[in-house]
């Protein structure tokens, strides 16, 4: 966890970027310089980031906006109610989005954090 991010955001980023893929490695190096600029007002937990790009190297994602990491969410009952997407713009962490595919299961960052931690 990092001091500059709320625990829920830091934990979900750590879980979704937890591979040895070069893009994920580079994005994890940016996390200490990351802060939350804003959150979605609907309660889902989606967060946009602010990053001091002068303190971190860009990830090898290219110049545009890309989905740099994603994780499908699975409940304890085996349902798949949504996913978490991590976006990078120009190689820098830009936002984390919580997506719901279900009308029956509430998908929030808090729920995503719990489901991602349960599978690790």
N, C-alpha and C. Protein backbone atom coordinates (compact mmCIF):
# COMPACT_ATOMS: atom_id res chain seq x y z
N UNK A 1 0.85 -1.17 0.00
CA UNK A 1 0.00 0.00 0.00
C UNK A 1 0.89 1.24 0.00
N UNK A 2 0.40 2.31 -0.56
CA UNK A 2 1.14 3.56 -0.60
C UNK A 2 0.45 4.61 0.27
N UNK A 3 1.22 5.53 0.79
CA UNK A 3 0.68 6.57 1.66
C UNK A 3 -0.20 7.57 0.89
N UNK A 4 0.10 7.78 -0.39
CA UNK A 4 -0.59 8.83 -1.13
C UNK A 4 -1.93 8.40 -1.70
N UNK A 5 -2.26 7.14 -1.64
CA UNK A 5 -3.52 6.65 -2.18
C UNK A 5 -4.40 6.08 -1.08
N UNK A 6 -5.72 6.21 -1.22
CA UNK A 6 -6.60 5.51 -0.29
C UNK A 6 -6.34 4.01 -0.37
N UNK A 7 -6.51 3.31 0.72
CA UNK A 7 -6.19 1.88 0.80
C UNK A 7 -6.95 1.06 -0.23
N UNK A 8 -8.23 1.39 -0.47
CA UNK A 8 -8.99 0.59 -1.43
C UNK A 8 -8.41 0.70 -2.84
N UNK A 9 -8.03 1.91 -3.25
CA UNK A 9 -7.45 2.11 -4.57
C UNK A 9 -6.09 1.43 -4.66
N UNK A 10 -5.24 1.63 -3.65
CA UNK A 10 -3.91 1.02 -3.65
C UNK A 10 -3.99 -0.50 -3.70
N UNK A 11 -4.89 -1.09 -2.94
CA UNK A 11 -5.03 -2.55 -2.91
C UNK A 11 -5.50 -3.11 -4.25
N UNK A 12 -6.47 -2.44 -4.87
CA UNK A 12 -6.99 -2.92 -6.16
C UNK A 12 -5.93 -2.75 -7.24
N UNK A 13 -5.23 -1.64 -7.25
CA UNK A 13 -4.14 -1.47 -8.22
C UNK A 13 -3.08 -2.56 -8.04
N UNK A 14 -2.71 -2.84 -6.80
CA UNK A 14 -1.71 -3.88 -6.54
C UNK A 14 -2.18 -5.24 -7.05
N UNK A 15 -3.45 -5.54 -6.85
CA UNK A 15 -3.97 -6.84 -7.29
C UNK A 15 -4.04 -6.94 -8.81
N UNK A 16 -4.46 -5.88 -9.47
CA UNK A 16 -4.63 -5.91 -10.92
C UNK A 16 -3.29 -5.83 -11.65
N UNK A 17 -2.32 -5.14 -11.06
CA UNK A 17 -1.00 -4.99 -11.68
C UNK A 17 -0.01 -6.03 -11.17
N UNK A 18 -0.48 -7.10 -10.58
CA UNK A 18 0.37 -8.10 -9.94
C UNK A 18 0.84 -9.17 -10.93
N UNK A 19 1.53 -8.75 -11.98
CA UNK A 19 2.16 -9.69 -12.91
C UNK A 19 3.56 -9.18 -13.23
N UNK A 20 4.33 -10.01 -13.90
CA UNK A 20 5.68 -9.60 -14.32
C UNK A 20 5.69 -9.01 -15.72
N UNK A 21 4.51 -8.75 -16.28
CA UNK A 21 4.43 -8.12 -17.60
C UNK A 21 5.15 -6.77 -17.51
N UNK A 22 5.99 -6.42 -18.49
CA UNK A 22 6.74 -5.16 -18.43
C UNK A 22 5.88 -3.92 -18.22
N UNK A 23 4.70 -3.88 -18.81
CA UNK A 23 3.82 -2.73 -18.61
C UNK A 23 3.39 -2.64 -17.15
N UNK A 24 3.01 -3.77 -16.56
CA UNK A 24 2.57 -3.78 -15.17
C UNK A 24 3.70 -3.40 -14.23
N UNK A 25 4.90 -3.90 -14.50
CA UNK A 25 6.07 -3.56 -13.68
C UNK A 25 6.30 -2.05 -13.71
N UNK A 26 6.27 -1.47 -14.90
CA UNK A 26 6.50 -0.02 -15.04
C UNK A 26 5.39 0.79 -14.36
N UNK A 27 4.14 0.34 -14.49
CA UNK A 27 3.04 1.06 -13.85
C UNK A 27 3.12 0.96 -12.33
N UNK A 28 3.53 -0.18 -11.80
CA UNK A 28 3.70 -0.30 -10.34
C UNK A 28 4.73 0.69 -9.82
N UNK A 29 5.75 0.98 -10.62
CA UNK A 29 6.78 1.96 -10.21
C UNK A 29 6.22 3.38 -10.13
N UNK A 30 5.10 3.63 -10.79
CA UNK A 30 4.48 4.96 -10.76
C UNK A 30 3.62 5.18 -9.53
N UNK A 31 3.18 4.12 -8.89
CA UNK A 31 2.21 4.21 -7.80
C UNK A 31 2.67 5.13 -6.66
N UNK A 32 3.94 5.14 -6.26
CA UNK A 32 4.33 6.06 -5.18
C UNK A 32 4.14 7.54 -5.51
N UNK A 33 4.00 7.88 -6.78
CA UNK A 33 3.86 9.27 -7.22
C UNK A 33 2.42 9.60 -7.64
N UNK A 34 1.52 8.72 -7.31
CA UNK A 34 0.13 8.80 -7.75
C UNK A 34 -0.77 9.33 -6.64
N UNK A 35 -1.75 10.12 -7.01
CA UNK A 35 -2.79 10.53 -6.06
C UNK A 35 -4.13 10.49 -6.79
N UNK A 36 -5.20 10.42 -6.02
CA UNK A 36 -6.54 10.41 -6.59
C UNK A 36 -6.97 11.85 -6.82
N UNK A 37 -7.31 12.14 -8.07
CA UNK A 37 -7.78 13.49 -8.44
C UNK A 37 -9.28 13.61 -8.24
N UNK A 38 -10.01 12.50 -8.44
CA UNK A 38 -11.45 12.52 -8.28
C UNK A 38 -12.02 11.12 -8.33
N UNK A 39 -13.26 11.01 -7.88
CA UNK A 39 -13.97 9.73 -7.88
C UNK A 39 -15.34 9.91 -8.49
N UNK A 40 -15.83 8.84 -9.07
CA UNK A 40 -17.18 8.84 -9.64
C UNK A 40 -18.17 9.08 -8.51
N UNK A 41 -19.20 9.85 -8.79
CA UNK A 41 -20.17 10.19 -7.76
C UNK A 41 -21.26 9.14 -7.59
N UNK A 42 -21.28 8.10 -8.45
CA UNK A 42 -22.35 7.10 -8.34
C UNK A 42 -22.08 6.09 -7.23
N UNK A 43 -20.85 6.07 -6.68
CA UNK A 43 -20.53 5.15 -5.61
C UNK A 43 -19.75 3.92 -6.05
N UNK A 44 -19.49 3.79 -7.34
CA UNK A 44 -18.81 2.59 -7.84
C UNK A 44 -17.35 2.52 -7.39
N UNK A 45 -16.73 3.66 -7.16
CA UNK A 45 -15.34 3.67 -6.72
C UNK A 45 -14.36 4.01 -7.81
N UNK A 46 -14.83 4.18 -9.05
CA UNK A 46 -13.94 4.58 -10.14
C UNK A 46 -13.17 5.82 -9.71
N UNK A 47 -11.86 5.82 -9.99
CA UNK A 47 -11.01 6.93 -9.54
C UNK A 47 -10.12 7.41 -10.68
N UNK A 48 -10.02 8.73 -10.82
CA UNK A 48 -9.08 9.31 -11.78
C UNK A 48 -7.85 9.75 -11.00
N UNK A 49 -6.70 9.67 -11.68
CA UNK A 49 -5.43 9.89 -11.00
C UNK A 49 -4.73 11.17 -11.46
N UNK A 50 -3.88 11.63 -10.57
CA UNK A 50 -2.92 12.67 -10.89
C UNK A 50 -1.56 12.07 -10.59
N UNK A 51 -0.61 12.30 -11.49
CA UNK A 51 0.71 11.69 -11.36
C UNK A 51 1.76 12.74 -11.69
N UNK A 52 2.79 12.80 -10.88
CA UNK A 52 3.93 13.66 -11.17
C UNK A 52 4.82 12.91 -12.16
N UNK A 53 4.58 13.14 -13.45
CA UNK A 53 5.29 12.40 -14.50
C UNK A 53 6.78 12.68 -14.49
N UNK A 54 7.21 13.76 -13.90
CA UNK A 54 8.64 14.06 -13.81
C UNK A 54 9.38 13.12 -12.87
N UNK A 55 8.65 12.38 -12.04
CA UNK A 55 9.28 11.48 -11.07
C UNK A 55 9.18 10.01 -11.47
N UNK A 56 8.51 9.73 -12.59
CA UNK A 56 8.30 8.33 -12.97
C UNK A 56 8.50 8.17 -14.48
N UNK A 57 9.00 7.02 -14.86
CA UNK A 57 9.17 6.70 -16.27
C UNK A 57 7.85 6.17 -16.83
N UNK A 58 7.56 6.45 -18.11
CA UNK A 58 6.33 5.92 -18.70
C UNK A 58 6.44 4.41 -18.95
N UNK A 59 5.32 3.75 -18.88
CA UNK A 59 5.24 2.33 -19.23
C UNK A 59 5.22 2.21 -20.75
N UNK A 60 5.67 1.09 -21.29
CA UNK A 60 5.69 0.91 -22.74
C UNK A 60 4.30 0.58 -23.31
N UNK A 61 3.39 1.57 -23.24
CA UNK A 61 2.02 1.36 -23.72
C UNK A 61 1.72 2.09 -25.01
N UNK A 62 2.59 2.99 -25.42
CA UNK A 62 2.32 3.81 -26.59
C UNK A 62 1.79 5.16 -26.19
N UNK A 63 1.54 6.03 -27.18
CA UNK A 63 1.18 7.42 -26.88
C UNK A 63 -0.27 7.66 -26.51
N UNK A 64 -1.18 6.80 -26.88
CA UNK A 64 -2.61 7.04 -26.64
C UNK A 64 -3.08 6.53 -25.29
N UNK A 65 -4.40 6.43 -25.15
CA UNK A 65 -5.02 5.87 -23.96
C UNK A 65 -5.32 4.41 -24.21
N UNK A 66 -4.89 3.56 -23.28
CA UNK A 66 -5.07 2.11 -23.42
C UNK A 66 -5.55 1.50 -22.12
N UNK A 67 -6.20 0.34 -22.23
CA UNK A 67 -6.47 -0.47 -21.05
C UNK A 67 -5.17 -1.21 -20.78
N UNK A 68 -4.47 -0.81 -19.73
CA UNK A 68 -3.16 -1.37 -19.42
C UNK A 68 -3.26 -2.64 -18.59
N UNK A 69 -4.38 -2.82 -17.88
CA UNK A 69 -4.58 -4.01 -17.05
C UNK A 69 -6.07 -4.17 -16.81
N UNK A 70 -6.48 -5.40 -16.62
CA UNK A 70 -7.89 -5.68 -16.34
C UNK A 70 -7.99 -6.93 -15.50
N UNK A 71 -9.05 -6.99 -14.73
CA UNK A 71 -9.31 -8.17 -13.91
C UNK A 71 -10.81 -8.40 -13.86
N UNK A 72 -11.21 -9.59 -14.27
CA UNK A 72 -12.61 -9.97 -14.17
C UNK A 72 -12.89 -10.29 -12.70
N UNK A 73 -14.04 -9.86 -12.22
CA UNK A 73 -14.40 -10.08 -10.83
C UNK A 73 -15.25 -11.34 -10.70
N UNK A 74 -14.99 -12.10 -9.65
CA UNK A 74 -15.76 -13.30 -9.37
C UNK A 74 -16.17 -13.29 -7.91
N UNK A 75 -17.45 -13.50 -7.67
CA UNK A 75 -17.96 -13.53 -6.30
C UNK A 75 -17.69 -14.89 -5.67
N UNK A 76 -17.97 -14.97 -4.37
CA UNK A 76 -17.81 -16.24 -3.66
C UNK A 76 -18.75 -17.30 -4.22
N UNK A 77 -19.85 -16.89 -4.81
CA UNK A 77 -20.83 -17.82 -5.39
C UNK A 77 -20.50 -18.20 -6.83
N UNK A 78 -19.37 -17.69 -7.34
CA UNK A 78 -18.95 -18.02 -8.70
C UNK A 78 -19.58 -17.16 -9.78
N UNK A 79 -20.27 -16.11 -9.39
CA UNK A 79 -20.84 -15.18 -10.37
C UNK A 79 -19.74 -14.23 -10.85
N UNK A 80 -19.90 -13.69 -12.05
CA UNK A 80 -18.95 -12.73 -12.62
C UNK A 80 -19.70 -11.43 -12.91
N UNK A 81 -19.80 -10.57 -11.88
CA UNK A 81 -20.65 -9.38 -12.00
C UNK A 81 -20.00 -8.17 -12.66
N UNK A 82 -18.70 -8.23 -12.95
CA UNK A 82 -18.05 -7.07 -13.54
C UNK A 82 -16.56 -7.23 -13.65
N UNK A 83 -15.89 -6.11 -13.83
CA UNK A 83 -14.44 -6.11 -13.97
C UNK A 83 -13.86 -4.79 -13.50
N UNK A 84 -12.55 -4.80 -13.33
CA UNK A 84 -11.79 -3.59 -13.02
C UNK A 84 -10.84 -3.37 -14.18
N UNK A 85 -10.81 -2.15 -14.67
CA UNK A 85 -9.92 -1.77 -15.76
C UNK A 85 -8.97 -0.68 -15.27
N UNK A 86 -7.70 -0.78 -15.64
CA UNK A 86 -6.72 0.24 -15.32
C UNK A 86 -6.30 0.87 -16.65
N UNK A 87 -6.49 2.17 -16.76
CA UNK A 87 -6.15 2.88 -17.98
C UNK A 87 -4.85 3.65 -17.82
N UNK A 88 -4.08 3.69 -18.90
CA UNK A 88 -2.87 4.50 -18.97
C UNK A 88 -2.98 5.41 -20.18
N UNK A 89 -2.50 6.60 -20.02
CA UNK A 89 -2.48 7.57 -21.13
C UNK A 89 -1.03 7.98 -21.33
N UNK A 90 -0.51 7.70 -22.52
CA UNK A 90 0.89 8.04 -22.80
C UNK A 90 1.87 7.32 -21.91
N UNK A 91 1.49 6.15 -21.41
CA UNK A 91 2.38 5.36 -20.56
C UNK A 91 2.26 5.66 -19.07
N UNK A 92 1.35 6.56 -18.70
CA UNK A 92 1.19 6.92 -17.29
C UNK A 92 -0.20 6.53 -16.79
N UNK A 93 -0.25 6.04 -15.56
CA UNK A 93 -1.54 5.69 -14.95
C UNK A 93 -2.48 6.88 -15.03
N UNK A 94 -3.71 6.60 -15.49
CA UNK A 94 -4.66 7.67 -15.70
C UNK A 94 -5.92 7.50 -14.85
N UNK A 95 -6.54 6.31 -14.88
CA UNK A 95 -7.69 6.07 -14.03
C UNK A 95 -7.93 4.58 -13.86
N UNK A 96 -8.69 4.26 -12.83
CA UNK A 96 -9.12 2.90 -12.51
C UNK A 96 -10.63 2.91 -12.58
N UNK A 97 -11.18 2.00 -13.38
CA UNK A 97 -12.63 1.98 -13.57
C UNK A 97 -13.22 0.68 -13.06
N UNK A 98 -14.31 0.79 -12.35
CA UNK A 98 -15.06 -0.36 -11.85
C UNK A 98 -16.29 -0.50 -12.74
N UNK A 99 -16.40 -1.63 -13.44
CA UNK A 99 -17.49 -1.84 -14.39
C UNK A 99 -18.41 -2.94 -13.88
N UNK A 100 -19.70 -2.69 -13.97
CA UNK A 100 -20.70 -3.66 -13.54
C UNK A 100 -21.35 -4.29 -14.76
N UNK A 101 -21.52 -5.61 -14.73
CA UNK A 101 -22.22 -6.34 -15.78
C UNK A 101 -23.54 -6.89 -15.25
N UNK A 102 -23.86 -6.60 -14.02
CA UNK A 102 -24.99 -7.26 -13.36
C UNK A 102 -25.94 -6.25 -12.73
N UNK A 103 -27.21 -6.56 -12.82
CA UNK A 103 -28.19 -5.78 -12.08
C UNK A 103 -28.47 -6.39 -10.71
N UNK A 104 -27.99 -7.62 -10.51
CA UNK A 104 -28.28 -8.38 -9.29
C UNK A 104 -27.21 -8.26 -8.21
N UNK A 105 -25.96 -7.95 -8.61
CA UNK A 105 -24.85 -7.87 -7.66
C UNK A 105 -24.27 -6.47 -7.73
N UNK A 106 -24.19 -5.81 -6.57
CA UNK A 106 -23.62 -4.47 -6.53
C UNK A 106 -22.11 -4.56 -6.70
N UNK A 107 -21.60 -3.88 -7.72
CA UNK A 107 -20.17 -3.88 -8.00
C UNK A 107 -19.61 -2.50 -7.64
N UNK A 108 -18.77 -2.50 -6.62
CA UNK A 108 -18.12 -1.28 -6.16
C UNK A 108 -16.63 -1.58 -6.01
N UNK A 109 -15.85 -0.55 -5.76
CA UNK A 109 -14.42 -0.77 -5.53
C UNK A 109 -14.20 -1.59 -4.26
N UNK A 110 -15.02 -1.37 -3.26
CA UNK A 110 -14.92 -2.15 -2.01
C UNK A 110 -15.17 -3.62 -2.27
N UNK A 111 -16.21 -3.92 -3.05
CA UNK A 111 -16.50 -5.32 -3.40
C UNK A 111 -15.40 -5.90 -4.27
N UNK A 112 -14.93 -5.12 -5.24
CA UNK A 112 -13.85 -5.60 -6.12
C UNK A 112 -12.60 -5.93 -5.31
N UNK A 113 -12.28 -5.08 -4.36
CA UNK A 113 -11.12 -5.31 -3.48
C UNK A 113 -11.27 -6.64 -2.74
N UNK A 114 -12.44 -6.89 -2.19
CA UNK A 114 -12.69 -8.13 -1.45
C UNK A 114 -12.56 -9.34 -2.36
N UNK A 115 -13.18 -9.29 -3.54
CA UNK A 115 -13.15 -10.42 -4.46
C UNK A 115 -11.74 -10.67 -5.01
N UNK A 116 -11.00 -9.60 -5.29
CA UNK A 116 -9.63 -9.77 -5.79
C UNK A 116 -8.71 -10.33 -4.71
N UNK A 117 -8.87 -9.88 -3.48
CA UNK A 117 -8.06 -10.40 -2.38
C UNK A 117 -8.39 -11.86 -2.07
N UNK A 118 -9.63 -12.25 -2.26
CA UNK A 118 -10.04 -13.64 -1.98
C UNK A 118 -9.41 -14.62 -2.96
N UNK A 119 -9.14 -14.18 -4.16
CA UNK A 119 -8.57 -15.10 -5.15
C UNK A 119 -7.06 -15.15 -5.12
N UNK A 120 -6.42 -14.27 -4.34
CA UNK A 120 -4.96 -14.32 -4.29
C UNK A 120 -4.43 -15.14 -3.17
